[in-house]
Amino acid sequence: MATATLLNYEIEEGQRLIDALNSAGLSTDSALWIYSSDSESWHLMLTSEICDREGTLKAYKEILTVFRDVQPELKIDWTSLIAVSPKNELIEDLRQSQLQWHRNLSGRRFTDNMVNGVRVDDGYIYQIK
């Protein structure tokens, strides 16, 4: 079971994966850790246009290929990865909030927040574009 606390090494390892994805030409416009109280686990949500073009499974496979190639080996669980469309509701809501409040959310922790009426227990935003 994942810890209820997002640890610094998980944030650092997530950034390493994002950097590797960018280097591999699989850039992700938006990326964040999100905590699900239902499953009591953290998930690294990565946007990919592949989700829209070829489906979520294809995007996940591409991300997982890069994940496995990162050296030294990443210290986060591959099962925590989630590939979503850039049109994902939460991503679009965060993007809208960022524009509305003229505030860059990159590098921010957000805990116990409402995003357009949706409760977010906990999260860490790498980037929302």
N, C-alpha and C. Protein backbone atom coordinates (compact mmCIF):
# COMPACT_ATOMS: atom_id res chain seq x y z
N MET A 1 0.84 -1.18 0.00
CA MET A 1 0.00 0.00 0.00
C MET A 1 0.89 1.24 0.00
N ALA A 2 0.54 2.22 -0.81
CA ALA A 2 1.31 3.45 -0.89
C ALA A 2 1.12 4.26 0.39
N THR A 3 2.15 5.03 0.69
CA THR A 3 2.07 5.89 1.85
C THR A 3 1.13 7.06 1.55
N ALA A 4 0.49 7.57 2.59
CA ALA A 4 -0.43 8.69 2.40
C ALA A 4 0.33 9.99 2.19
N THR A 5 1.63 9.98 2.42
CA THR A 5 2.46 11.16 2.25
C THR A 5 3.29 11.01 0.99
N LEU A 6 3.27 12.03 0.15
CA LEU A 6 4.12 12.05 -1.03
C LEU A 6 5.52 12.44 -0.57
N LEU A 7 6.48 11.59 -0.84
CA LEU A 7 7.84 11.80 -0.37
C LEU A 7 8.66 12.58 -1.39
N ASN A 8 9.68 13.29 -0.90
CA ASN A 8 10.53 14.10 -1.78
C ASN A 8 11.14 13.27 -2.90
N TYR A 9 11.57 12.05 -2.60
CA TYR A 9 12.20 11.24 -3.64
C TYR A 9 11.20 10.91 -4.75
N GLU A 10 9.92 10.77 -4.39
CA GLU A 10 8.90 10.50 -5.41
C GLU A 10 8.72 11.70 -6.34
N ILE A 11 8.78 12.89 -5.77
CA ILE A 11 8.70 14.11 -6.59
C ILE A 11 9.91 14.18 -7.51
N GLU A 12 11.10 13.90 -6.97
CA GLU A 12 12.32 13.94 -7.78
C GLU A 12 12.30 12.88 -8.88
N GLU A 13 11.85 11.69 -8.54
CA GLU A 13 11.80 10.60 -9.52
C GLU A 13 10.75 10.89 -10.61
N GLY A 14 9.66 11.51 -10.22
CA GLY A 14 8.66 11.91 -11.20
C GLY A 14 9.24 12.91 -12.19
N GLN A 15 10.04 13.84 -11.68
CA GLN A 15 10.68 14.82 -12.56
C GLN A 15 11.67 14.14 -13.50
N ARG A 16 12.38 13.15 -13.01
CA ARG A 16 13.31 12.40 -13.87
C ARG A 16 12.55 11.73 -15.01
N LEU A 17 11.39 11.17 -14.70
CA LEU A 17 10.59 10.53 -15.75
C LEU A 17 10.11 11.57 -16.76
N ILE A 18 9.63 12.71 -16.29
CA ILE A 18 9.17 13.77 -17.19
C ILE A 18 10.31 14.22 -18.10
N ASP A 19 11.50 14.39 -17.54
CA ASP A 19 12.67 14.77 -18.34
C ASP A 19 12.98 13.71 -19.38
N ALA A 20 12.90 12.44 -18.99
CA ALA A 20 13.17 11.34 -19.92
C ALA A 20 12.13 11.29 -21.03
N LEU A 21 10.88 11.53 -20.69
CA LEU A 21 9.82 11.57 -21.70
C LEU A 21 10.07 12.70 -22.70
N ASN A 22 10.46 13.86 -22.20
CA ASN A 22 10.77 14.99 -23.08
C ASN A 22 11.94 14.65 -24.00
N SER A 23 12.98 14.03 -23.45
CA SER A 23 14.15 13.64 -24.25
C SER A 23 13.79 12.62 -25.32
N ALA A 24 12.82 11.77 -25.02
CA ALA A 24 12.40 10.72 -25.97
C ALA A 24 11.37 11.24 -26.98
N GLY A 25 11.04 12.52 -26.90
CA GLY A 25 10.07 13.08 -27.83
C GLY A 25 8.63 12.80 -27.45
N LEU A 26 8.41 12.37 -26.22
CA LEU A 26 7.05 12.10 -25.73
C LEU A 26 6.67 13.15 -24.69
N SER A 27 6.87 14.40 -25.05
CA SER A 27 6.65 15.46 -24.08
C SER A 27 5.23 15.42 -23.52
N THR A 28 5.16 15.74 -22.26
CA THR A 28 3.89 15.79 -21.56
C THR A 28 3.65 17.24 -21.16
N ASP A 29 2.56 17.81 -21.63
CA ASP A 29 2.27 19.21 -21.33
C ASP A 29 1.93 19.42 -19.87
N SER A 30 1.26 18.46 -19.29
CA SER A 30 0.84 18.59 -17.90
C SER A 30 1.19 17.31 -17.15
N ALA A 31 1.63 17.50 -15.92
CA ALA A 31 2.01 16.35 -15.10
C ALA A 31 1.82 16.70 -13.63
N LEU A 32 1.29 15.76 -12.88
CA LEU A 32 1.09 15.99 -11.47
C LEU A 32 0.93 14.67 -10.73
N TRP A 33 1.32 14.70 -9.46
CA TRP A 33 1.00 13.61 -8.55
C TRP A 33 -0.36 13.93 -7.97
N ILE A 34 -1.22 12.95 -7.88
CA ILE A 34 -2.55 13.14 -7.30
C ILE A 34 -2.85 11.99 -6.34
N TYR A 35 -3.38 12.33 -5.18
CA TYR A 35 -3.70 11.33 -4.17
C TYR A 35 -5.17 10.96 -4.26
N SER A 36 -5.43 9.67 -4.24
CA SER A 36 -6.80 9.16 -4.23
C SER A 36 -7.09 8.59 -2.85
N SER A 37 -8.01 9.21 -2.14
CA SER A 37 -8.35 8.69 -0.82
C SER A 37 -9.14 7.38 -0.93
N ASP A 38 -9.81 7.18 -2.07
CA ASP A 38 -10.55 5.93 -2.27
C ASP A 38 -9.61 4.73 -2.29
N SER A 39 -8.53 4.84 -3.05
CA SER A 39 -7.58 3.73 -3.14
C SER A 39 -6.41 3.90 -2.18
N GLU A 40 -6.38 5.04 -1.48
CA GLU A 40 -5.28 5.37 -0.56
C GLU A 40 -3.93 5.24 -1.24
N SER A 41 -3.84 5.82 -2.45
CA SER A 41 -2.58 5.74 -3.19
C SER A 41 -2.35 6.99 -4.02
N TRP A 42 -1.09 7.20 -4.35
CA TRP A 42 -0.66 8.31 -5.19
C TRP A 42 -0.54 7.83 -6.62
N HIS A 43 -0.88 8.72 -7.56
CA HIS A 43 -0.76 8.41 -8.99
C HIS A 43 -0.07 9.57 -9.68
N LEU A 44 0.87 9.23 -10.56
CA LEU A 44 1.54 10.24 -11.38
C LEU A 44 0.76 10.35 -12.68
N MET A 45 0.01 11.44 -12.81
CA MET A 45 -0.85 11.67 -13.97
C MET A 45 -0.05 12.44 -15.02
N LEU A 46 0.06 11.85 -16.21
CA LEU A 46 0.82 12.44 -17.31
C LEU A 46 -0.08 12.61 -18.51
N THR A 47 -0.11 13.81 -19.08
CA THR A 47 -0.93 14.00 -20.28
C THR A 47 -0.13 13.58 -21.50
N SER A 48 -0.85 13.05 -22.46
CA SER A 48 -0.24 12.65 -23.73
C SER A 48 -1.27 12.78 -24.84
N GLU A 49 -0.88 13.45 -25.92
CA GLU A 49 -1.77 13.57 -27.07
C GLU A 49 -2.00 12.22 -27.73
N ILE A 50 -1.14 11.26 -27.45
CA ILE A 50 -1.32 9.90 -27.98
C ILE A 50 -2.67 9.34 -27.50
N CYS A 51 -3.09 9.72 -26.30
CA CYS A 51 -4.39 9.27 -25.78
C CYS A 51 -5.51 9.62 -26.75
N ASP A 52 -5.45 10.82 -27.31
CA ASP A 52 -6.49 11.27 -28.24
C ASP A 52 -6.35 10.63 -29.61
N ARG A 53 -5.12 10.44 -30.06
CA ARG A 53 -4.88 9.91 -31.41
C ARG A 53 -5.01 8.39 -31.49
N GLU A 54 -4.40 7.69 -30.50
CA GLU A 54 -4.31 6.23 -30.60
C GLU A 54 -4.86 5.48 -29.40
N GLY A 55 -5.31 6.22 -28.40
CA GLY A 55 -5.89 5.59 -27.23
C GLY A 55 -4.96 5.60 -26.02
N THR A 56 -5.58 5.46 -24.86
CA THR A 56 -4.85 5.51 -23.59
C THR A 56 -3.86 4.36 -23.44
N LEU A 57 -4.24 3.18 -23.88
CA LEU A 57 -3.34 2.02 -23.75
C LEU A 57 -2.05 2.24 -24.52
N LYS A 58 -2.13 2.77 -25.73
CA LYS A 58 -0.94 3.05 -26.54
C LYS A 58 -0.07 4.09 -25.84
N ALA A 59 -0.68 5.14 -25.30
CA ALA A 59 0.07 6.18 -24.59
C ALA A 59 0.77 5.58 -23.38
N TYR A 60 0.06 4.76 -22.64
CA TYR A 60 0.63 4.12 -21.45
C TYR A 60 1.82 3.24 -21.83
N LYS A 61 1.69 2.49 -22.91
CA LYS A 61 2.79 1.63 -23.37
C LYS A 61 4.02 2.45 -23.73
N GLU A 62 3.81 3.58 -24.41
CA GLU A 62 4.93 4.45 -24.79
C GLU A 62 5.62 5.02 -23.55
N ILE A 63 4.82 5.47 -22.60
CA ILE A 63 5.37 6.02 -21.35
C ILE A 63 6.13 4.94 -20.59
N LEU A 64 5.56 3.75 -20.53
CA LEU A 64 6.20 2.64 -19.81
C LEU A 64 7.51 2.22 -20.46
N THR A 65 7.59 2.29 -21.78
CA THR A 65 8.84 1.98 -22.48
C THR A 65 9.95 2.93 -22.03
N VAL A 66 9.64 4.22 -21.98
CA VAL A 66 10.62 5.21 -21.52
C VAL A 66 10.93 4.98 -20.05
N PHE A 67 9.92 4.72 -19.24
CA PHE A 67 10.10 4.47 -17.81
C PHE A 67 11.14 3.37 -17.58
N ARG A 68 11.02 2.28 -18.33
CA ARG A 68 11.92 1.13 -18.15
C ARG A 68 13.34 1.42 -18.61
N ASP A 69 13.50 2.40 -19.51
CA ASP A 69 14.83 2.72 -20.04
C ASP A 69 15.60 3.72 -19.19
N VAL A 70 14.96 4.38 -18.25
CA VAL A 70 15.63 5.41 -17.45
C VAL A 70 16.70 4.75 -16.57
N GLN A 71 17.90 5.34 -16.62
CA GLN A 71 19.01 4.87 -15.80
C GLN A 71 19.58 6.04 -15.01
N PRO A 72 19.92 5.87 -13.75
CA PRO A 72 19.62 4.68 -12.98
C PRO A 72 18.11 4.47 -12.88
N GLU A 73 17.76 3.25 -12.58
CA GLU A 73 16.35 2.83 -12.53
C GLU A 73 15.53 3.74 -11.62
N LEU A 74 14.35 4.08 -12.09
CA LEU A 74 13.45 4.92 -11.29
C LEU A 74 12.99 4.18 -10.04
N LYS A 75 12.83 4.92 -8.96
CA LYS A 75 12.43 4.33 -7.68
C LYS A 75 10.97 4.57 -7.36
N ILE A 76 10.16 4.73 -8.41
CA ILE A 76 8.71 4.83 -8.22
C ILE A 76 8.08 3.63 -8.90
N ASP A 77 6.93 3.25 -8.42
CA ASP A 77 6.24 2.07 -8.95
C ASP A 77 5.56 2.40 -10.27
N TRP A 78 5.83 1.61 -11.29
CA TRP A 78 5.23 1.86 -12.61
C TRP A 78 3.71 1.79 -12.56
N THR A 79 3.17 1.08 -11.58
CA THR A 79 1.70 0.98 -11.50
C THR A 79 1.06 2.28 -11.02
N SER A 80 1.88 3.23 -10.58
CA SER A 80 1.34 4.52 -10.15
C SER A 80 1.11 5.47 -11.33
N LEU A 81 1.59 5.10 -12.52
CA LEU A 81 1.48 5.97 -13.69
C LEU A 81 0.08 5.94 -14.29
N ILE A 82 -0.40 7.12 -14.67
CA ILE A 82 -1.69 7.24 -15.35
C ILE A 82 -1.48 8.14 -16.57
N ALA A 83 -1.83 7.63 -17.74
CA ALA A 83 -1.79 8.43 -18.97
C ALA A 83 -3.19 8.97 -19.23
N VAL A 84 -3.29 10.28 -19.45
CA VAL A 84 -4.59 10.89 -19.72
C VAL A 84 -4.47 11.86 -20.89
N SER A 85 -5.60 12.14 -21.48
CA SER A 85 -5.68 13.13 -22.55
C SER A 85 -5.41 14.52 -21.98
N PRO A 86 -4.80 15.41 -22.78
CA PRO A 86 -4.69 16.81 -22.34
C PRO A 86 -6.07 17.45 -22.11
N LYS A 87 -7.11 16.79 -22.61
CA LYS A 87 -8.48 17.28 -22.44
C LYS A 87 -9.14 16.70 -21.19
N ASN A 88 -8.38 15.97 -20.36
CA ASN A 88 -8.89 15.42 -19.12
C ASN A 88 -9.54 16.53 -18.29
N GLU A 89 -10.65 16.23 -17.67
CA GLU A 89 -11.42 17.25 -16.94
C GLU A 89 -10.60 17.94 -15.85
N LEU A 90 -9.89 17.18 -15.04
CA LEU A 90 -9.09 17.79 -13.97
C LEU A 90 -8.00 18.68 -14.56
N ILE A 91 -7.33 18.20 -15.60
CA ILE A 91 -6.27 18.99 -16.23
C ILE A 91 -6.85 20.29 -16.79
N GLU A 92 -7.97 20.19 -17.49
CA GLU A 92 -8.59 21.40 -18.04
C GLU A 92 -9.04 22.36 -16.94
N ASP A 93 -9.56 21.81 -15.84
CA ASP A 93 -9.98 22.65 -14.72
C ASP A 93 -8.79 23.36 -14.08
N LEU A 94 -7.68 22.65 -13.91
CA LEU A 94 -6.47 23.28 -13.36
C LEU A 94 -5.92 24.33 -14.32
N ARG A 95 -5.94 24.03 -15.60
CA ARG A 95 -5.50 25.00 -16.61
C ARG A 95 -6.36 26.27 -16.54
N GLN A 96 -7.66 26.07 -16.43
CA GLN A 96 -8.58 27.21 -16.35
C GLN A 96 -8.34 28.02 -15.07
N SER A 97 -8.13 27.34 -13.95
CA SER A 97 -7.84 28.03 -12.69
C SER A 97 -6.56 28.84 -12.79
N GLN A 98 -5.57 28.27 -13.43
CA GLN A 98 -4.29 28.94 -13.61
C GLN A 98 -4.47 30.23 -14.42
N LEU A 99 -5.27 30.16 -15.48
CA LEU A 99 -5.54 31.35 -16.30
C LEU A 99 -6.39 32.37 -15.55
N GLN A 100 -7.41 31.88 -14.88
CA GLN A 100 -8.33 32.76 -14.17
C GLN A 100 -7.63 33.56 -13.08
N TRP A 101 -6.74 32.92 -12.35
CA TRP A 101 -6.07 33.57 -11.22
C TRP A 101 -4.71 34.14 -11.59
N HIS A 102 -4.33 34.04 -12.88
CA HIS A 102 -3.03 34.56 -13.35
C HIS A 102 -1.89 34.06 -12.46
N ARG A 103 -1.93 32.75 -12.23
CA ARG A 103 -0.95 32.16 -11.32
C ARG A 103 -0.42 30.86 -11.91
N ASN A 104 0.89 30.77 -12.01
CA ASN A 104 1.52 29.55 -12.49
C ASN A 104 1.49 28.52 -11.36
N LEU A 105 0.90 27.37 -11.62
CA LEU A 105 0.77 26.34 -10.59
C LEU A 105 1.97 25.39 -10.55
N SER A 106 2.91 25.55 -11.46
CA SER A 106 4.07 24.65 -11.52
C SER A 106 4.85 24.65 -10.22
N GLY A 107 5.22 23.45 -9.77
CA GLY A 107 6.02 23.30 -8.57
C GLY A 107 5.25 23.55 -7.28
N ARG A 108 3.94 23.47 -7.35
CA ARG A 108 3.12 23.76 -6.17
C ARG A 108 2.43 22.50 -5.63
N ARG A 109 2.32 22.49 -4.34
CA ARG A 109 1.56 21.46 -3.65
C ARG A 109 0.14 21.98 -3.50
N PHE A 110 -0.85 21.15 -3.71
CA PHE A 110 -2.22 21.58 -3.45
C PHE A 110 -2.90 20.50 -2.63
N THR A 111 -3.38 20.91 -1.46
CA THR A 111 -3.94 19.99 -0.49
C THR A 111 -5.33 20.45 -0.08
N ASP A 112 -6.25 19.48 -0.04
CA ASP A 112 -7.61 19.75 0.42
C ASP A 112 -8.22 20.94 -0.30
N ASN A 113 -8.25 20.84 -1.63
CA ASN A 113 -8.76 21.92 -2.48
C ASN A 113 -9.97 21.47 -3.28
N MET A 114 -10.71 22.45 -3.75
CA MET A 114 -11.78 22.21 -4.70
C MET A 114 -11.34 22.80 -6.03
N VAL A 115 -11.43 22.01 -7.08
CA VAL A 115 -11.10 22.48 -8.42
C VAL A 115 -12.38 22.36 -9.24
N ASN A 116 -13.01 23.51 -9.48
CA ASN A 116 -14.30 23.55 -10.19
C ASN A 116 -15.30 22.53 -9.64
N GLY A 117 -15.42 22.51 -8.32
CA GLY A 117 -16.40 21.66 -7.68
C GLY A 117 -15.96 20.23 -7.42
N VAL A 118 -14.73 19.89 -7.84
CA VAL A 118 -14.20 18.54 -7.62
C VAL A 118 -13.18 18.61 -6.49
N ARG A 119 -13.37 17.77 -5.48
CA ARG A 119 -12.45 17.76 -4.34
C ARG A 119 -11.15 17.06 -4.71
N VAL A 120 -10.04 17.73 -4.40
CA VAL A 120 -8.71 17.16 -4.59
C VAL A 120 -8.10 17.03 -3.20
N ASP A 121 -7.89 15.79 -2.76
CA ASP A 121 -7.36 15.56 -1.41
C ASP A 121 -5.95 16.10 -1.26
N ASP A 122 -5.10 15.73 -2.21
CA ASP A 122 -3.70 16.15 -2.14
C ASP A 122 -3.08 15.99 -3.51
N GLY A 123 -2.08 16.79 -3.79
CA GLY A 123 -1.41 16.68 -5.07
C GLY A 123 -0.17 17.55 -5.13
N TYR A 124 0.64 17.28 -6.13
CA TYR A 124 1.82 18.09 -6.43
C TYR A 124 1.85 18.31 -7.93
N ILE A 125 1.89 19.57 -8.35
CA ILE A 125 1.85 19.91 -9.77
C ILE A 125 3.26 20.19 -10.27
N TYR A 126 3.68 19.42 -11.27
CA TYR A 126 4.93 19.73 -11.96
C TYR A 126 4.69 20.86 -12.95
N GLN A 127 3.66 20.68 -13.77
CA GLN A 127 3.35 21.68 -14.78
C GLN A 127 1.94 21.45 -15.31
N ILE A 128 1.29 22.56 -15.64
CA ILE A 128 -0.02 22.54 -16.30
C ILE A 128 0.09 23.52 -17.46
N LYS A 129 -0.03 22.99 -18.67
CA LYS A 129 0.06 23.85 -19.87
C LYS A 129 -1.16 23.67 -20.72
